[in-house]
């Protein structure tokens, strides 16, 4: 499951690559990944998968609804 933090990291990597950096990376907690041989198209595809995963998890999130009733008597 992806998080919004994952999305932010990939978007920064895309920005780095667009600004001319040849080696971009991402960090997830204690894990650091460098994308040395990845194309911009592959990073964009990964970003789209992450966005889709986040949207799907938000759609499937359980929602709680609380109802209150009253007989109208005081």
PDB file of N, CA and C in Angstrom:
ATOM      1  N   UNK A   1       0.836  -1.162   0.000  1.00  0.00           N
ATOM      2  CA  UNK A   1       0.000   0.000   0.000  1.00  0.00           C
ATOM      3  C   UNK A   1       0.896   1.245   0.000  1.00  0.00           C
ATOM      4  N   UNK A   2       0.567   2.161  -0.837  1.00  0.00           N
ATOM      5  CA  UNK A   2       1.339   3.387  -0.952  1.00  0.00           C
ATOM      6  C   UNK A   2       0.795   4.468  -0.034  1.00  0.00           C
ATOM      7  N   UNK A   3       1.665   5.398   0.320  1.00  0.00           N
ATOM      8  CA  UNK A   3       1.264   6.523   1.154  1.00  0.00           C
ATOM      9  C   UNK A   3       1.501   7.827   0.396  1.00  0.00           C
ATOM     10  N   UNK A   4       0.964   8.894   0.932  1.00  0.00           N
ATOM     11  CA  UNK A   4       1.185  10.205   0.322  1.00  0.00           C
ATOM     12  C   UNK A   4       2.653  10.595   0.398  1.00  0.00           C
ATOM     13  N   UNK A   5       3.359  10.109   1.408  1.00  0.00           N
ATOM     14  CA  UNK A   5       4.787  10.379   1.516  1.00  0.00           C
ATOM     15  C   UNK A   5       5.541   9.714   0.363  1.00  0.00           C
ATOM     16  N   UNK A   6       5.128   8.482  -0.005  1.00  0.00           N
ATOM     17  CA  UNK A   6       5.738   7.811  -1.158  1.00  0.00           C
ATOM     18  C   UNK A   6       5.551   8.642  -2.417  1.00  0.00           C
ATOM     19  N   UNK A   7       4.359   9.183  -2.581  1.00  0.00           N
ATOM     20  CA  UNK A   7       4.054  10.001  -3.748  1.00  0.00           C
ATOM     21  C   UNK A   7       4.932  11.247  -3.774  1.00  0.00           C
ATOM     22  N   UNK A   8       5.110  11.893  -2.633  1.00  0.00           N
ATOM     23  CA  UNK A   8       5.946  13.090  -2.559  1.00  0.00           C
ATOM     24  C   UNK A   8       7.387  12.785  -2.940  1.00  0.00           C
ATOM     25  N   UNK A   9       7.894  11.639  -2.490  1.00  0.00           N
ATOM     26  CA  UNK A   9       9.272  11.255  -2.791  1.00  0.00           C
ATOM     27  C   UNK A   9       9.451  11.033  -4.288  1.00  0.00           C
ATOM     28  N   UNK A  10       8.511  10.349  -4.913  1.00  0.00           N
ATOM     29  CA  UNK A  10       8.614  10.079  -6.346  1.00  0.00           C
ATOM     30  C   UNK A  10       8.465  11.382  -7.135  1.00  0.00           C
ATOM     31  N   UNK A  11       7.588  12.263  -6.700  1.00  0.00           N
ATOM     32  CA  UNK A  11       7.441  13.538  -7.392  1.00  0.00           C
ATOM     33  C   UNK A  11       8.724  14.362  -7.305  1.00  0.00           C
ATOM     34  N   UNK A  12       9.433  14.293  -6.184  1.00  0.00           N
ATOM     35  CA  UNK A  12      10.718  14.984  -6.068  1.00  0.00           C
ATOM     36  C   UNK A  12      11.737  14.354  -7.009  1.00  0.00           C
ATOM     37  N   UNK A  13      11.734  13.037  -7.100  1.00  0.00           N
ATOM     38  CA  UNK A  13      12.659  12.357  -8.009  1.00  0.00           C
ATOM     39  C   UNK A  13      12.380  12.765  -9.456  1.00  0.00           C
ATOM     40  N   UNK A  14      11.113  12.888  -9.816  1.00  0.00           N
ATOM     41  CA  UNK A  14      10.752  13.329 -11.166  1.00  0.00           C
ATOM     42  C   UNK A  14      11.261  14.750 -11.391  1.00  0.00           C
ATOM     43  N   UNK A  15      11.065  15.608 -10.409  1.00  0.00           N
ATOM     44  CA  UNK A  15      11.528  16.992 -10.515  1.00  0.00           C
ATOM     45  C   UNK A  15      13.043  17.053 -10.668  1.00  0.00           C
ATOM     46  N   UNK A  16      13.756  16.241  -9.880  1.00  0.00           N
ATOM     47  CA  UNK A  16      15.222  16.193  -9.981  1.00  0.00           C
ATOM     48  C   UNK A  16      15.653  15.778 -11.380  1.00  0.00           C
ATOM     49  N   UNK A  17      15.000  14.761 -11.915  1.00  0.00           N
ATOM     50  CA  UNK A  17      15.376  14.273 -13.232  1.00  0.00           C
ATOM     51  C   UNK A  17      15.072  15.325 -14.304  1.00  0.00           C
ATOM     52  N   UNK A  18      13.952  16.005 -14.168  1.00  0.00           N
ATOM     53  CA  UNK A  18      13.597  17.029 -15.148  1.00  0.00           C
ATOM     54  C   UNK A  18      14.566  18.211 -15.102  1.00  0.00           C
ATOM     55  N   UNK A  19      15.177  18.440 -13.945  1.00  0.00           N
ATOM     56  CA  UNK A  19      16.121  19.547 -13.831  1.00  0.00           C
ATOM     57  C   UNK A  19      17.544  19.143 -14.192  1.00  0.00           C
ATOM     58  N   UNK A  20      17.714  17.929 -14.706  1.00  0.00           N
ATOM     59  CA  UNK A  20      19.014  17.533 -15.242  1.00  0.00           C
ATOM     60  C   UNK A  20      19.828  16.567 -14.418  1.00  0.00           C
ATOM     61  N   UNK A  21      19.379  16.209 -13.235  1.00  0.00           N
ATOM     62  CA  UNK A  21      20.143  15.225 -12.454  1.00  0.00           C
ATOM     63  C   UNK A  21      20.001  13.866 -13.105  1.00  0.00           C
ATOM     64  N   UNK A  22      21.094  13.173 -13.259  1.00  0.00           N
ATOM     65  CA  UNK A  22      21.084  11.869 -13.923  1.00  0.00           C
ATOM     66  C   UNK A  22      20.789  10.738 -12.948  1.00  0.00           C
ATOM     67  N   UNK A  23      21.113  10.924 -11.683  1.00  0.00           N
ATOM     68  CA  UNK A  23      20.850   9.904 -10.676  1.00  0.00           C
ATOM     69  C   UNK A  23      19.903  10.519  -9.665  1.00  0.00           C
ATOM     70  N   UNK A  24      18.735   9.930  -9.557  1.00  0.00           N
ATOM     71  CA  UNK A  24      17.759  10.399  -8.577  1.00  0.00           C
ATOM     72  C   UNK A  24      17.499   9.279  -7.597  1.00  0.00           C
ATOM     73  N   UNK A  25      16.994   9.631  -6.431  1.00  0.00           N
ATOM     74  CA  UNK A  25      16.761   8.612  -5.421  1.00  0.00           C
ATOM     75  C   UNK A  25      15.513   8.884  -4.619  1.00  0.00           C
ATOM     76  N   UNK A  26      15.190   7.902  -3.797  1.00  0.00           N
ATOM     77  CA  UNK A  26      14.027   7.993  -2.934  1.00  0.00           C
ATOM     78  C   UNK A  26      14.357   7.313  -1.616  1.00  0.00           C
ATOM     79  N   UNK A  27      13.792   7.843  -0.532  1.00  0.00           N
ATOM     80  CA  UNK A  27      13.991   7.252   0.783  1.00  0.00           C
ATOM     81  C   UNK A  27      12.646   6.890   1.384  1.00  0.00           C
ATOM     82  N   UNK A  28      12.587   5.710   1.947  1.00  0.00           N
ATOM     83  CA  UNK A  28      11.402   5.229   2.644  1.00  0.00           C
ATOM     84  C   UNK A  28      11.860   4.738   4.003  1.00  0.00           C
ATOM     85  N   UNK A  29      11.688   5.552   5.023  1.00  0.00           N
ATOM     86  CA  UNK A  29      12.148   5.149   6.351  1.00  0.00           C
ATOM     87  C   UNK A  29      13.649   4.984   6.359  1.00  0.00           C
ATOM     88  N   UNK A  30      14.127   3.783   6.656  1.00  0.00           N
ATOM     89  CA  UNK A  30      15.561   3.500   6.682  1.00  0.00           C
ATOM     90  C   UNK A  30      16.095   3.031   5.330  1.00  0.00           C
ATOM     91  N   UNK A  31      15.230   2.895   4.359  1.00  0.00           N
ATOM     92  CA  UNK A  31      15.627   2.365   3.053  1.00  0.00           C
ATOM     93  C   UNK A  31      15.868   3.506   2.076  1.00  0.00           C
ATOM     94  N   UNK A  32      16.967   3.445   1.356  1.00  0.00           N
ATOM     95  CA  UNK A  32      17.300   4.448   0.336  1.00  0.00           C
ATOM     96  C   UNK A  32      17.463   3.720  -0.986  1.00  0.00           C
ATOM     97  N   UNK A  33      16.762   4.209  -2.003  1.00  0.00           N
ATOM     98  CA  UNK A  33      16.821   3.616  -3.334  1.00  0.00           C
ATOM     99  C   UNK A  33      17.291   4.679  -4.302  1.00  0.00           C
ATOM    100  N   UNK A  34      18.269   4.327  -5.144  1.00  0.00           N
ATOM    101  CA  UNK A  34      18.711   5.255  -6.176  1.00  0.00           C
ATOM    102  C   UNK A  34      18.314   4.704  -7.532  1.00  0.00           C
ATOM    103  N   UNK A  35      17.730   5.577  -8.340  1.00  0.00           N
ATOM    104  CA  UNK A  35      17.295   5.213  -9.676  1.00  0.00           C
ATOM    105  C   UNK A  35      18.307   5.763 -10.673  1.00  0.00           C
ATOM    106  N   UNK A  36      19.360   5.032 -10.903  1.00  0.00           N
ATOM    107  CA  UNK A  36      20.399   5.510 -11.818  1.00  0.00           C
ATOM    108  C   UNK A  36      20.039   5.219 -13.262  1.00  0.00           C
ATOM    109  N   UNK A  37      19.410   4.114 -13.516  1.00  0.00           N
ATOM    110  CA  UNK A  37      19.102   3.708 -14.881  1.00  0.00           C
ATOM    111  C   UNK A  37      17.596   3.663 -15.108  1.00  0.00           C
ATOM    112  N   UNK A  38      16.937   4.702 -14.705  1.00  0.00           N
ATOM    113  CA  UNK A  38      15.494   4.741 -14.881  1.00  0.00           C
ATOM    114  C   UNK A  38      15.168   5.950 -15.759  1.00  0.00           C
ATOM    115  N   UNK A  39      14.185   5.783 -16.579  1.00  0.00           N
ATOM    116  CA  UNK A  39      13.801   6.883 -17.458  1.00  0.00           C
ATOM    117  C   UNK A  39      12.738   7.731 -16.786  1.00  0.00           C
ATOM    118  N   UNK A  40      12.572   8.917 -17.298  1.00  0.00           N
ATOM    119  CA  UNK A  40      11.532   9.805 -16.794  1.00  0.00           C
ATOM    120  C   UNK A  40      10.159   9.161 -16.973  1.00  0.00           C
ATOM    121  N   UNK A  41       9.963   8.485 -18.098  1.00  0.00           N
ATOM    122  CA  UNK A  41       8.680   7.818 -18.351  1.00  0.00           C
ATOM    123  C   UNK A  41       8.394   6.744 -17.304  1.00  0.00           C
ATOM    124  N   UNK A  42       9.439   6.021 -16.882  1.00  0.00           N
ATOM    125  CA  UNK A  42       9.247   4.988 -15.855  1.00  0.00           C
ATOM    126  C   UNK A  42       8.898   5.606 -14.501  1.00  0.00           C
ATOM    127  N   UNK A  43       9.535   6.732 -14.170  1.00  0.00           N
ATOM    128  CA  UNK A  43       9.199   7.409 -12.917  1.00  0.00           C
ATOM    129  C   UNK A  43       7.767   7.938 -12.945  1.00  0.00           C
ATOM    130  N   UNK A  44       7.362   8.477 -14.070  1.00  0.00           N
ATOM    131  CA  UNK A  44       5.999   8.979 -14.195  1.00  0.00           C
ATOM    132  C   UNK A  44       4.999   7.836 -14.089  1.00  0.00           C
ATOM    133  N   UNK A  45       5.328   6.694 -14.678  1.00  0.00           N
ATOM    134  CA  UNK A  45       4.467   5.524 -14.574  1.00  0.00           C
ATOM    135  C   UNK A  45       4.340   5.072 -13.113  1.00  0.00           C
ATOM    136  N   UNK A  46       5.455   5.077 -12.399  1.00  0.00           N
ATOM    137  CA  UNK A  46       5.434   4.716 -10.981  1.00  0.00           C
ATOM    138  C   UNK A  46       4.594   5.709 -10.190  1.00  0.00           C
ATOM    139  N   UNK A  47       4.736   6.997 -10.488  1.00  0.00           N
ATOM    140  CA  UNK A  47       3.928   8.021  -9.816  1.00  0.00           C
ATOM    141  C   UNK A  47       2.440   7.765 -10.049  1.00  0.00           C
ATOM    142  N   UNK A  48       2.079   7.418 -11.285  1.00  0.00           N
ATOM    143  CA  UNK A  48       0.673   7.162 -11.605  1.00  0.00           C
ATOM    144  C   UNK A  48       0.144   5.941 -10.858  1.00  0.00           C
ATOM    145  N   UNK A  49       0.969   4.893 -10.722  1.00  0.00           N
ATOM    146  CA  UNK A  49       0.563   3.705  -9.954  1.00  0.00           C
ATOM    147  C   UNK A  49       0.349   4.059  -8.487  1.00  0.00           C
ATOM    148  N   UNK A  50       1.253   4.887  -7.941  1.00  0.00           N
ATOM    149  CA  UNK A  50       1.123   5.292  -6.544  1.00  0.00           C
ATOM    150  C   UNK A  50      -0.150   6.106  -6.346  1.00  0.00           C
ATOM    151  N   UNK A  51      -0.403   7.073  -7.251  1.00  0.00           N
ATOM    152  CA  UNK A  51      -1.622   7.882  -7.157  1.00  0.00           C
ATOM    153  C   UNK A  51      -2.859   7.000  -7.206  1.00  0.00           C
ATOM    154  N   UNK A  52      -2.865   6.047  -8.119  1.00  0.00           N
ATOM    155  CA  UNK A  52      -4.003   5.151  -8.259  1.00  0.00           C
ATOM    156  C   UNK A  52      -4.201   4.319  -6.989  1.00  0.00           C
ATOM    157  N   UNK A  53      -3.106   3.838  -6.422  1.00  0.00           N
ATOM    158  CA  UNK A  53      -3.180   3.052  -5.195  1.00  0.00           C
ATOM    159  C   UNK A  53      -3.723   3.857  -4.032  1.00  0.00           C
ATOM    160  N   UNK A  54      -3.294   5.114  -3.926  1.00  0.00           N
ATOM    161  CA  UNK A  54      -3.783   5.987  -2.853  1.00  0.00           C
ATOM    162  C   UNK A  54      -5.266   6.257  -3.042  1.00  0.00           C
ATOM    163  N   UNK A  55      -5.666   6.559  -4.269  1.00  0.00           N
ATOM    164  CA  UNK A  55      -7.083   6.839  -4.534  1.00  0.00           C
ATOM    165  C   UNK A  55      -7.949   5.627  -4.238  1.00  0.00           C
ATOM    166  N   UNK A  56      -7.471   4.441  -4.622  1.00  0.00           N
ATOM    167  CA  UNK A  56      -8.233   3.219  -4.355  1.00  0.00           C
ATOM    168  C   UNK A  56      -8.383   2.973  -2.857  1.00  0.00           C
ATOM    169  N   UNK A  57      -7.307   3.183  -2.099  1.00  0.00           N
ATOM    170  CA  UNK A  57      -7.383   2.926  -0.662  1.00  0.00           C
ATOM    171  C   UNK A  57      -8.291   3.941   0.021  1.00  0.00           C
ATOM    172  N   UNK A  58      -8.307   5.184  -0.487  1.00  0.00           N
ATOM    173  CA  UNK A  58      -9.204   6.179   0.091  1.00  0.00           C
ATOM    174  C   UNK A  58     -10.660   5.855  -0.224  1.00  0.00           C
ATOM    175  N   UNK A  59     -10.933   5.319  -1.406  1.00  0.00           N
ATOM    176  CA  UNK A  59     -12.295   4.939  -1.770  1.00  0.00           C
ATOM    177  C   UNK A  59     -12.786   3.769  -0.925  1.00  0.00           C
ATOM    178  N   UNK A  60     -11.860   2.866  -0.599  1.00  0.00           N
ATOM    179  CA  UNK A  60     -12.236   1.666   0.134  1.00  0.00           C
ATOM    180  C   UNK A  60     -12.166   1.834   1.645  1.00  0.00           C
ATOM    181  N   UNK A  61     -11.776   3.005   2.101  1.00  0.00           N
ATOM    182  CA  UNK A  61     -11.676   3.234   3.544  1.00  0.00           C
ATOM    183  C   UNK A  61     -13.057   3.127   4.169  1.00  0.00           C
ATOM    184  N   UNK A  62     -13.102   2.503   5.318  1.00  0.00           N
ATOM    185  CA  UNK A  62     -14.372   2.362   6.015  1.00  0.00           C
ATOM    186  C   UNK A  62     -14.759   3.708   6.603  1.00  0.00           C
ATOM    187  N   UNK A  63     -16.014   4.023   6.466  1.00  0.00           N
ATOM    188  CA  UNK A  63     -16.532   5.262   7.023  1.00  0.00           C
ATOM    189  C   UNK A  63     -17.528   4.924   8.121  1.00  0.00           C
ATOM    190  N   UNK A  64     -17.487   5.705   9.180  1.00  0.00           N
ATOM    191  CA  UNK A  64     -18.420   5.504  10.274  1.00  0.00           C
ATOM    192  C   UNK A  64     -19.501   6.568  10.204  1.00  0.00           C
ATOM    193  N   UNK A  65     -20.717   6.138  10.386  1.00  0.00           N
ATOM    194  CA  UNK A  65     -21.853   7.048  10.404  1.00  0.00           C
ATOM    195  C   UNK A  65     -22.547   6.863  11.736  1.00  0.00           C
ATOM    196  N   UNK A  66     -22.812   7.959  12.422  1.00  0.00           N
ATOM    197  CA  UNK A  66     -23.476   7.914  13.708  1.00  0.00           C
ATOM    198  C   UNK A  66     -24.879   8.489  13.554  1.00  0.00           C
ATOM    199  N   UNK A  67     -25.826   7.748  14.033  1.00  0.00           N
ATOM    200  CA  UNK A  67     -27.209   8.196  13.984  1.00  0.00           C
ATOM    201  C   UNK A  67     -27.693   8.495  15.392  1.00  0.00           C
ATOM    202  N   UNK A  68     -28.483   9.521  15.511  1.00  0.00           N
ATOM    203  CA  UNK A  68     -29.152   9.797  16.782  1.00  0.00           C
ATOM    204  C   UNK A  68     -30.645   9.905  16.484  1.00  0.00           C
ATOM    205  N   UNK A  69     -31.429   9.418  17.393  1.00  0.00           N
ATOM    206  CA  UNK A  69     -32.880   9.474  17.221  1.00  0.00           C
ATOM    207  C   UNK A  69     -33.519  10.051  18.489  1.00  0.00           C
ATOM    208  N   UNK A  70     -34.681  10.525  18.320  1.00  0.00           N
ATOM    209  CA  UNK A  70     -35.432  11.061  19.446  1.00  0.00           C
ATOM    210  C   UNK A  70     -36.909  10.864  19.179  1.00  0.00           C
ATOM    211  N   UNK A  71     -37.653  10.601  20.217  1.00  0.00           N
ATOM    212  CA  UNK A  71     -39.102  10.456  20.086  1.00  0.00           C
ATOM    213  C   UNK A  71     -39.790  11.811  20.069  1.00  0.00           C
ATOM    214  N   UNK A  72     -39.040  12.848  20.299  1.00  0.00           N
ATOM    215  CA  UNK A  72     -39.613  14.177  20.293  1.00  0.00           C
ATOM    216  C   UNK A  72     -40.301  14.551  21.596  1.00  0.00           C
ATOM    217  N   UNK A  73     -40.189  13.696  22.629  1.00  0.00           N
ATOM    218  CA  UNK A  73     -40.831  13.973  23.913  1.00  0.00           C
ATOM    219  C   UNK A  73     -39.843  14.663  24.837  1.00  0.00           C
ATOM    220  N   UNK A  74     -40.347  15.588  25.595  1.00  0.00           N
ATOM    221  CA  UNK A  74     -39.469  16.256  26.563  1.00  0.00           C
ATOM    222  C   UNK A  74     -40.035  16.141  27.941  1.00  0.00           C
TER     223      UNK A  74
END
